[in-house]
Amino acid sequence: MDFLEAALAVLRDEGKPLHWTVVQDLALKRGYLDPFTQRGIRQGVIAALAQAATDGTVRKAGKGVYELV
C-alpha cells in the first residue's frame, strides 16, 4: 500500500479528522505501512496528505489535521 492509500484508509476507518502523526501511527500499527520495506515514512505521509489536500481528496481541518471530503 502506498502512502496515500494508507492515509486515506486510516481516515476512512476512523471517520473523523486526525492529525498527520495519528494517521502515521495508525497506518503503521495496522500494517498499512511497513518501515522495513518503505523508506521515509514521515515524509511520505506528510507529502501524501498535502497532495491529497491540493487535489481535493482531503481537507485541512487545522494545523496538521486532515479529514476526508
C-alpha atoms as a PDB file:
ATOM      1  CA  MET A   1       0.000   0.000   0.000  1.00  0.00           C
ATOM      2  CA  ASP A   2       1.394   3.412  -0.868  1.00  0.00           C
ATOM      3  CA  PHE A   3       1.391   6.414   1.473  1.00  0.00           C
ATOM      4  CA  LEU A   4      -1.781   7.992   0.091  1.00  0.00           C
ATOM      5  CA  GLU A   5      -3.735   4.738   0.159  1.00  0.00           C
ATOM      6  CA  ALA A   6      -2.645   4.137   3.753  1.00  0.00           C
ATOM      7  CA  ALA A   7      -3.567   7.653   4.882  1.00  0.00           C
ATOM      8  CA  LEU A   8      -6.967   7.504   3.198  1.00  0.00           C
ATOM      9  CA  ALA A   9      -7.644   4.070   4.683  1.00  0.00           C
ATOM     10  CA  VAL A  10      -6.924   5.362   8.193  1.00  0.00           C
ATOM     11  CA  LEU A  11      -9.088   8.454   7.709  1.00  0.00           C
ATOM     12  CA  ARG A  12     -11.886   6.286   6.294  1.00  0.00           C
ATOM     13  CA  ASP A  13     -11.602   3.777   9.163  1.00  0.00           C
ATOM     14  CA  GLU A  14     -11.671   6.445  11.858  1.00  0.00           C
ATOM     15  CA  GLY A  15     -14.307   8.673  10.261  1.00  0.00           C
ATOM     16  CA  LYS A  16     -13.071  11.860  11.907  1.00  0.00           C
ATOM     17  CA  PRO A  17     -10.346  14.500  11.411  1.00  0.00           C
ATOM     18  CA  LEU A  18      -6.917  13.312  12.538  1.00  0.00           C
ATOM     19  CA  HIS A  19      -3.503  14.888  12.964  1.00  0.00           C
ATOM     20  CA  TRP A  20      -0.961  13.511  10.500  1.00  0.00           C
ATOM     21  CA  THR A  21       1.013  11.932  13.363  1.00  0.00           C
ATOM     22  CA  VAL A  22      -2.051   9.912  14.367  1.00  0.00           C
ATOM     23  CA  VAL A  23      -2.610   8.905  10.743  1.00  0.00           C
ATOM     24  CA  GLN A  24       1.016   7.758  10.536  1.00  0.00           C
ATOM     25  CA  ASP A  25       0.856   5.877  13.840  1.00  0.00           C
ATOM     26  CA  LEU A  26      -2.363   4.056  12.975  1.00  0.00           C
ATOM     27  CA  ALA A  27      -1.124   3.200   9.479  1.00  0.00           C
ATOM     28  CA  LEU A  28       1.988   1.617  10.997  1.00  0.00           C
ATOM     29  CA  LYS A  29       0.057  -0.210  13.744  1.00  0.00           C
ATOM     30  CA  ARG A  30      -2.466  -1.598  11.261  1.00  0.00           C
ATOM     31  CA  GLY A  31       0.230  -2.739   8.862  1.00  0.00           C
ATOM     32  CA  TYR A  32      -0.746  -0.388   6.052  1.00  0.00           C
ATOM     33  CA  LEU A  33       2.824   0.903   6.015  1.00  0.00           C
ATOM     34  CA  ASP A  34       5.973  -1.110   6.656  1.00  0.00           C
ATOM     35  CA  PRO A  35       9.048   0.764   7.896  1.00  0.00           C
ATOM     36  CA  PHE A  36      11.254  -2.173   6.879  1.00  0.00           C
ATOM     37  CA  THR A  37      10.298  -2.019   3.200  1.00  0.00           C
ATOM     38  CA  GLN A  38       9.267   1.633   2.805  1.00  0.00           C
ATOM     39  CA  ARG A  39      11.696   4.452   3.433  1.00  0.00           C
ATOM     40  CA  GLY A  40      10.809   7.935   4.637  1.00  0.00           C
ATOM     41  CA  ILE A  41       7.515   7.075   6.316  1.00  0.00           C
ATOM     42  CA  ARG A  42       7.143  10.504   7.941  1.00  0.00           C
ATOM     43  CA  GLN A  43       7.931  12.450   4.784  1.00  0.00           C
ATOM     44  CA  GLY A  44       5.775  10.128   2.688  1.00  0.00           C
ATOM     45  CA  VAL A  45       2.696  10.532   4.883  1.00  0.00           C
ATOM     46  CA  ILE A  46       3.077  14.312   5.061  1.00  0.00           C
ATOM     47  CA  ALA A  47       3.609  14.618   1.306  1.00  0.00           C
ATOM     48  CA  ALA A  48       0.681  12.315   0.505  1.00  0.00           C
ATOM     49  CA  LEU A  49      -1.707  14.248   2.760  1.00  0.00           C
ATOM     50  CA  ALA A  50      -0.511  17.603   1.411  1.00  0.00           C
ATOM     51  CA  GLN A  51      -1.006  16.438  -2.178  1.00  0.00           C
ATOM     52  CA  ALA A  52      -4.435  14.992  -1.343  1.00  0.00           C
ATOM     53  CA  ALA A  53      -5.423  18.355   0.180  1.00  0.00           C
ATOM     54  CA  THR A  54      -4.300  20.113  -3.014  1.00  0.00           C
ATOM     55  CA  ASP A  55      -6.225  17.585  -5.148  1.00  0.00           C
ATOM     56  CA  GLY A  56      -9.354  17.944  -3.003  1.00  0.00           C
ATOM     57  CA  THR A  57      -9.416  14.366  -1.719  1.00  0.00           C
ATOM     58  CA  VAL A  58      -8.956  15.524   1.879  1.00  0.00           C
ATOM     59  CA  ARG A  59      -9.412  18.869   3.601  1.00  0.00           C
ATOM     60  CA  LYS A  60      -7.195  20.550   6.164  1.00  0.00           C
ATOM     61  CA  ALA A  61      -9.242  20.898   9.330  1.00  0.00           C
ATOM     62  CA  GLY A  62      -6.489  22.646  11.294  1.00  0.00           C
ATOM     63  CA  LYS A  63      -2.742  22.775  11.600  1.00  0.00           C
ATOM     64  CA  GLY A  64      -1.591  19.275  10.611  1.00  0.00           C
ATOM     65  CA  VAL A  65      -5.137  17.917  10.865  1.00  0.00           C
ATOM     66  CA  TYR A  66      -6.834  16.309   7.867  1.00  0.00           C
ATOM     67  CA  GLU A  67     -10.279  14.896   7.133  1.00  0.00           C
ATOM     68  CA  LEU A  68     -11.927  13.202   4.181  1.00  0.00           C
ATOM     69  CA  VAL A  69     -14.026  15.402   1.909  1.00  0.00           C
END
